[in-house]
């Protein structure tokens, strides 16, 4: 009986924590909202500074510098994710800012989740990020999730896909037209 009661309490605590996590910061906070303009339309992204403050700050800093404008979606795997943020356009580049330490968190990698790309080193994220097309629980706790698409996912779905045989490398890839912090949009 005691074990059952403790399990029930632990389960209720976990569910309450999960509900609080899912809520996150206000969805209408323009300082923590990105507007991603693609060829087919605008995507609204809610950033999560409550779980990945350094990664959120990096994205906002680079967006405000215009760093992402015109960058390619160089790796796009149908049924998995679309990756961008490399000024070289081949997955080997980054910004001139130092790499970030990992901020692994409990946010699940689901359809619309944004995660930071990195090398084998957990502390190697810089400017590249990806948007999930579908659930990818195998990434949970191994990559930093920092945001989620709140509208416009249909435009993300239209990003040109790469060939699975070449790990999603895209020939003549789609580009980010503009990435802005919503608070800066006039």
C-alpha atoms as a PDB file:
ATOM      1  CA  UNK A   1       0.000   0.000   0.000  1.00  0.00           C
ATOM      2  CA  UNK A   2       2.765   2.431   0.976  1.00  0.00           C
ATOM      3  CA  UNK A   3       4.656   1.737  -2.276  1.00  0.00           C
ATOM      4  CA  UNK A   4       1.477   2.243  -4.332  1.00  0.00           C
ATOM      5  CA  UNK A   5       0.758   5.556  -2.597  1.00  0.00           C
ATOM      6  CA  UNK A   6       4.330   6.770  -3.122  1.00  0.00           C
ATOM      7  CA  UNK A   7       4.170   5.756  -6.786  1.00  0.00           C
ATOM      8  CA  UNK A   8       0.878   7.625  -7.212  1.00  0.00           C
ATOM      9  CA  UNK A   9       2.323  10.755  -5.586  1.00  0.00           C
ATOM     10  CA  UNK A  10       5.472  10.555  -7.714  1.00  0.00           C
ATOM     11  CA  UNK A  11       3.378  10.075 -10.852  1.00  0.00           C
ATOM     12  CA  UNK A  12       1.149  13.039 -10.012  1.00  0.00           C
ATOM     13  CA  UNK A  13       4.219  15.193  -9.341  1.00  0.00           C
ATOM     14  CA  UNK A  14       5.734  14.165 -12.688  1.00  0.00           C
ATOM     15  CA  UNK A  15       2.484  14.958 -14.524  1.00  0.00           C
ATOM     16  CA  UNK A  16       2.227  18.346 -12.841  1.00  0.00           C
ATOM     17  CA  UNK A  17       5.834  19.126 -13.737  1.00  0.00           C
ATOM     18  CA  UNK A  18       5.181  18.058 -17.325  1.00  0.00           C
ATOM     19  CA  UNK A  19       2.143  20.311 -17.565  1.00  0.00           C
ATOM     20  CA  UNK A  20       4.141  23.240 -16.193  1.00  0.00           C
ATOM     21  CA  UNK A  21       6.970  22.503 -18.639  1.00  0.00           C
ATOM     22  CA  UNK A  22       4.611  22.380 -21.592  1.00  0.00           C
ATOM     23  CA  UNK A  23       3.227  25.790 -20.674  1.00  0.00           C
ATOM     24  CA  UNK A  24       6.611  27.563 -20.845  1.00  0.00           C
ATOM     25  CA  UNK A  25       6.832  31.329 -21.327  1.00  0.00           C
ATOM     26  CA  UNK A  26       4.000  33.372 -22.777  1.00  0.00           C
ATOM     27  CA  UNK A  27       3.407  32.548 -26.429  1.00  0.00           C
ATOM     28  CA  UNK A  28       2.820  36.232 -27.234  1.00  0.00           C
ATOM     29  CA  UNK A  29       6.200  37.550 -25.997  1.00  0.00           C
ATOM     30  CA  UNK A  30       7.662  39.368 -29.032  1.00  0.00           C
ATOM     31  CA  UNK A  31      11.162  39.380 -27.514  1.00  0.00           C
ATOM     32  CA  UNK A  32      11.103  35.574 -27.471  1.00  0.00           C
ATOM     33  CA  UNK A  33       9.375  35.018 -30.807  1.00  0.00           C
ATOM     34  CA  UNK A  34      11.083  34.608 -34.161  1.00  0.00           C
ATOM     35  CA  UNK A  35       9.549  35.247 -37.569  1.00  0.00           C
ATOM     36  CA  UNK A  36      11.101  32.939 -40.171  1.00  0.00           C
ATOM     37  CA  UNK A  37      10.271  34.031 -43.706  1.00  0.00           C
ATOM     38  CA  UNK A  38      10.438  31.240 -46.282  1.00  0.00           C
ATOM     39  CA  UNK A  39       9.567  31.253 -49.993  1.00  0.00           C
ATOM     40  CA  UNK A  40       6.111  29.855 -49.244  1.00  0.00           C
ATOM     41  CA  UNK A  41       5.200  31.908 -46.149  1.00  0.00           C
ATOM     42  CA  UNK A  42       6.008  33.023 -42.623  1.00  0.00           C
ATOM     43  CA  UNK A  43       6.712  30.705 -39.714  1.00  0.00           C
ATOM     44  CA  UNK A  44       6.228  31.906 -36.130  1.00  0.00           C
ATOM     45  CA  UNK A  45       8.592  30.338 -33.591  1.00  0.00           C
ATOM     46  CA  UNK A  46       8.257  30.555 -29.821  1.00  0.00           C
ATOM     47  CA  UNK A  47      11.676  30.569 -28.172  1.00  0.00           C
ATOM     48  CA  UNK A  48      12.228  28.882 -24.803  1.00  0.00           C
ATOM     49  CA  UNK A  49      14.676  30.963 -22.720  1.00  0.00           C
ATOM     50  CA  UNK A  50      13.349  29.158 -19.655  1.00  0.00           C
ATOM     51  CA  UNK A  51      15.068  25.923 -20.755  1.00  0.00           C
ATOM     52  CA  UNK A  52      17.889  27.035 -23.105  1.00  0.00           C
ATOM     53  CA  UNK A  53      18.791  30.674 -22.324  1.00  0.00           C
ATOM     54  CA  UNK A  54      22.222  30.691 -24.015  1.00  0.00           C
ATOM     55  CA  UNK A  55      20.916  29.100 -27.220  1.00  0.00           C
ATOM     56  CA  UNK A  56      17.935  31.460 -27.371  1.00  0.00           C
ATOM     57  CA  UNK A  57      20.212  34.451 -26.860  1.00  0.00           C
ATOM     58  CA  UNK A  58      22.527  33.201 -29.646  1.00  0.00           C
ATOM     59  CA  UNK A  59      19.668  32.853 -32.144  1.00  0.00           C
ATOM     60  CA  UNK A  60      18.360  36.319 -31.301  1.00  0.00           C
ATOM     61  CA  UNK A  61      21.836  37.887 -31.525  1.00  0.00           C
ATOM     62  CA  UNK A  62      22.529  36.336 -34.924  1.00  0.00           C
ATOM     63  CA  UNK A  63      19.028  37.100 -36.241  1.00  0.00           C
ATOM     64  CA  UNK A  64      19.449  40.745 -35.233  1.00  0.00           C
ATOM     65  CA  UNK A  65      22.734  40.866 -37.181  1.00  0.00           C
ATOM     66  CA  UNK A  66      21.002  39.457 -40.296  1.00  0.00           C
ATOM     67  CA  UNK A  67      23.286  36.403 -40.105  1.00  0.00           C
ATOM     68  CA  UNK A  68      20.605  33.899 -41.175  1.00  0.00           C
ATOM     69  CA  UNK A  69      19.144  35.916 -44.060  1.00  0.00           C
ATOM     70  CA  UNK A  70      19.858  34.057 -47.314  1.00  0.00           C
ATOM     71  CA  UNK A  71      21.320  30.923 -45.697  1.00  0.00           C
ATOM     72  CA  UNK A  72      20.474  27.552 -47.238  1.00  0.00           C
ATOM     73  CA  UNK A  73      18.573  24.620 -45.799  1.00  0.00           C
ATOM     74  CA  UNK A  74      21.589  22.470 -46.639  1.00  0.00           C
ATOM     75  CA  UNK A  75      20.386  19.217 -45.045  1.00  0.00           C
ATOM     76  CA  UNK A  76      16.724  18.254 -45.276  1.00  0.00           C
ATOM     77  CA  UNK A  77      15.596  14.696 -44.629  1.00  0.00           C
ATOM     78  CA  UNK A  78      11.974  13.892 -45.408  1.00  0.00           C
ATOM     79  CA  UNK A  79      10.258  12.486 -42.328  1.00  0.00           C
ATOM     80  CA  UNK A  80      12.978  13.823 -40.021  1.00  0.00           C
ATOM     81  CA  UNK A  81      14.149  17.463 -40.107  1.00  0.00           C
ATOM     82  CA  UNK A  82      15.337  20.540 -42.035  1.00  0.00           C
ATOM     83  CA  UNK A  83      18.751  21.960 -41.054  1.00  0.00           C
ATOM     84  CA  UNK A  84      20.128  25.449 -41.734  1.00  0.00           C
ATOM     85  CA  UNK A  85      22.344  28.116 -40.201  1.00  0.00           C
ATOM     86  CA  UNK A  86      25.651  27.333 -41.916  1.00  0.00           C
ATOM     87  CA  UNK A  87      27.179  30.243 -43.868  1.00  0.00           C
ATOM     88  CA  UNK A  88      29.246  27.726 -45.872  1.00  0.00           C
ATOM     89  CA  UNK A  89      26.081  25.881 -46.865  1.00  0.00           C
ATOM     90  CA  UNK A  90      27.535  22.405 -46.356  1.00  0.00           C
ATOM     91  CA  UNK A  91      27.173  21.695 -42.628  1.00  0.00           C
ATOM     92  CA  UNK A  92      30.732  22.578 -41.624  1.00  0.00           C
ATOM     93  CA  UNK A  93      30.390  26.278 -40.825  1.00  0.00           C
ATOM     94  CA  UNK A  94      29.209  28.525 -38.058  1.00  0.00           C
ATOM     95  CA  UNK A  95      29.291  32.110 -36.854  1.00  0.00           C
ATOM     96  CA  UNK A  96      32.373  33.924 -35.560  1.00  0.00           C
ATOM     97  CA  UNK A  97      31.005  33.603 -32.010  1.00  0.00           C
ATOM     98  CA  UNK A  98      32.302  30.895 -29.664  1.00  0.00           C
ATOM     99  CA  UNK A  99      30.567  27.529 -29.466  1.00  0.00           C
ATOM    100  CA  UNK A 100      27.885  27.077 -26.826  1.00  0.00           C
ATOM    101  CA  UNK A 101      27.808  24.643 -23.917  1.00  0.00           C
ATOM    102  CA  UNK A 102      24.992  22.109 -24.162  1.00  0.00           C
ATOM    103  CA  UNK A 103      21.703  23.025 -22.494  1.00  0.00           C
ATOM    104  CA  UNK A 104      20.023  19.629 -22.675  1.00  0.00           C
ATOM    105  CA  UNK A 105      16.533  19.847 -21.219  1.00  0.00           C
ATOM    106  CA  UNK A 106      13.284  17.881 -20.917  1.00  0.00           C
ATOM    107  CA  UNK A 107      11.621  19.454 -23.975  1.00  0.00           C
ATOM    108  CA  UNK A 108      10.798  16.543 -26.314  1.00  0.00           C
ATOM    109  CA  UNK A 109      11.799  16.559 -29.960  1.00  0.00           C
ATOM    110  CA  UNK A 110       8.404  16.505 -31.655  1.00  0.00           C
ATOM    111  CA  UNK A 111       6.982  17.889 -34.870  1.00  0.00           C
ATOM    112  CA  UNK A 112       7.831  21.602 -34.933  1.00  0.00           C
ATOM    113  CA  UNK A 113      10.566  21.481 -32.256  1.00  0.00           C
ATOM    114  CA  UNK A 114      13.708  23.506 -32.991  1.00  0.00           C
ATOM    115  CA  UNK A 115      17.020  22.034 -31.922  1.00  0.00           C
ATOM    116  CA  UNK A 116      20.607  23.164 -32.164  1.00  0.00           C
ATOM    117  CA  UNK A 117      22.850  21.167 -34.477  1.00  0.00           C
ATOM    118  CA  UNK A 118      26.290  20.177 -33.219  1.00  0.00           C
ATOM    119  CA  UNK A 119      29.229  17.876 -33.903  1.00  0.00           C
ATOM    120  CA  UNK A 120      30.031  14.809 -31.780  1.00  0.00           C
ATOM    121  CA  UNK A 121      30.972  17.143 -28.931  1.00  0.00           C
ATOM    122  CA  UNK A 122      27.911  18.170 -26.879  1.00  0.00           C
ATOM    123  CA  UNK A 123      29.445  21.643 -26.431  1.00  0.00           C
ATOM    124  CA  UNK A 124      29.919  22.441 -30.134  1.00  0.00           C
ATOM    125  CA  UNK A 125      26.633  24.146 -31.091  1.00  0.00           C
ATOM    126  CA  UNK A 126      27.157  27.511 -32.754  1.00  0.00           C
ATOM    127  CA  UNK A 127      24.663  28.777 -35.348  1.00  0.00           C
ATOM    128  CA  UNK A 128      23.178  25.749 -37.103  1.00  0.00           C
ATOM    129  CA  UNK A 129      19.721  24.598 -36.094  1.00  0.00           C
ATOM    130  CA  UNK A 130      17.036  22.236 -37.304  1.00  0.00           C
ATOM    131  CA  UNK A 131      13.243  22.037 -37.336  1.00  0.00           C
ATOM    132  CA  UNK A 132      11.638  18.646 -36.812  1.00  0.00           C
ATOM    133  CA  UNK A 133       9.145  17.362 -39.405  1.00  0.00           C
ATOM    134  CA  UNK A 134       8.028  14.584 -37.066  1.00  0.00           C
ATOM    135  CA  UNK A 135       8.707  13.116 -33.642  1.00  0.00           C
ATOM    136  CA  UNK A 136      12.333  12.242 -32.906  1.00  0.00           C
ATOM    137  CA  UNK A 137      12.470  10.990 -29.333  1.00  0.00           C
ATOM    138  CA  UNK A 138      15.912   9.456 -29.979  1.00  0.00           C
ATOM    139  CA  UNK A 139      17.255  13.054 -29.850  1.00  0.00           C
ATOM    140  CA  UNK A 140      15.755  13.775 -26.412  1.00  0.00           C
ATOM    141  CA  UNK A 141      18.455  14.697 -23.900  1.00  0.00           C
ATOM    142  CA  UNK A 142      21.172  14.539 -26.572  1.00  0.00           C
ATOM    143  CA  UNK A 143      20.585  17.841 -28.376  1.00  0.00           C
ATOM    144  CA  UNK A 144      19.469  21.229 -27.091  1.00  0.00           C
ATOM    145  CA  UNK A 145      15.833  22.006 -27.848  1.00  0.00           C
ATOM    146  CA  UNK A 146      15.227  25.752 -27.738  1.00  0.00           C
ATOM    147  CA  UNK A 147      11.924  26.543 -29.440  1.00  0.00           C
ATOM    148  CA  UNK A 148       8.840  25.396 -31.279  1.00  0.00           C
ATOM    149  CA  UNK A 149       6.832  26.361 -34.328  1.00  0.00           C
ATOM    150  CA  UNK A 150       3.509  27.880 -33.255  1.00  0.00           C
ATOM    151  CA  UNK A 151       2.225  28.671 -36.749  1.00  0.00           C
ATOM    152  CA  UNK A 152       3.322  28.133 -40.330  1.00  0.00           C
ATOM    153  CA  UNK A 153       4.477  24.526 -40.035  1.00  0.00           C
ATOM    154  CA  UNK A 154       2.850  23.911 -43.422  1.00  0.00           C
ATOM    155  CA  UNK A 155       5.538  26.200 -44.917  1.00  0.00           C
ATOM    156  CA  UNK A 156       8.303  24.246 -43.184  1.00  0.00           C
ATOM    157  CA  UNK A 157       6.831  21.085 -44.737  1.00  0.00           C
ATOM    158  CA  UNK A 158       7.315  22.693 -48.189  1.00  0.00           C
ATOM    159  CA  UNK A 159      11.091  23.122 -47.797  1.00  0.00           C
ATOM    160  CA  UNK A 160      12.862  21.250 -50.598  1.00  0.00           C
ATOM    161  CA  UNK A 161      14.012  17.805 -49.423  1.00  0.00           C
ATOM    162  CA  UNK A 162      17.396  16.230 -49.973  1.00  0.00           C
ATOM    163  CA  UNK A 163      18.338  12.723 -50.993  1.00  0.00           C
ATOM    164  CA  UNK A 164      18.396  10.172 -48.154  1.00  0.00           C
ATOM    165  CA  UNK A 165      21.303   8.430 -49.904  1.00  0.00           C
ATOM    166  CA  UNK A 166      23.412  11.578 -49.334  1.00  0.00           C
ATOM    167  CA  UNK A 167      22.211  12.157 -45.741  1.00  0.00           C
ATOM    168  CA  UNK A 168      19.751  14.811 -46.862  1.00  0.00           C
ATOM    169  CA  UNK A 169      22.108  17.007 -48.883  1.00  0.00           C
ATOM    170  CA  UNK A 170      19.948  19.285 -51.016  1.00  0.00           C
ATOM    171  CA  UNK A 171      20.747  20.270 -54.607  1.00  0.00           C
ATOM    172  CA  UNK A 172      19.649  23.879 -55.259  1.00  0.00           C
ATOM    173  CA  UNK A 173      18.290  24.227 -51.690  1.00  0.00           C
ATOM    174  CA  UNK A 174      15.633  26.565 -50.369  1.00  0.00           C
ATOM    175  CA  UNK A 175      16.873  29.469 -48.280  1.00  0.00           C
ATOM    176  CA  UNK A 176      15.862  31.527 -45.289  1.00  0.00           C
ATOM    177  CA  UNK A 177      14.611  34.770 -46.793  1.00  0.00           C
ATOM    178  CA  UNK A 178      14.673  36.517 -43.414  1.00  0.00           C
ATOM    179  CA  UNK A 179      14.836  35.584 -39.733  1.00  0.00           C
ATOM    180  CA  UNK A 180      13.757  38.294 -37.302  1.00  0.00           C
ATOM    181  CA  UNK A 181      12.981  38.703 -33.619  1.00  0.00           C
ATOM    182  CA  UNK A 182       9.296  39.702 -33.553  1.00  0.00           C
ATOM    183  CA  UNK A 183      10.028  42.655 -31.253  1.00  0.00           C
ATOM    184  CA  UNK A 184      12.142  44.162 -34.065  1.00  0.00           C
ATOM    185  CA  UNK A 185       9.541  43.827 -36.829  1.00  0.00           C
ATOM    186  CA  UNK A 186       8.138  47.210 -37.783  1.00  0.00           C
END
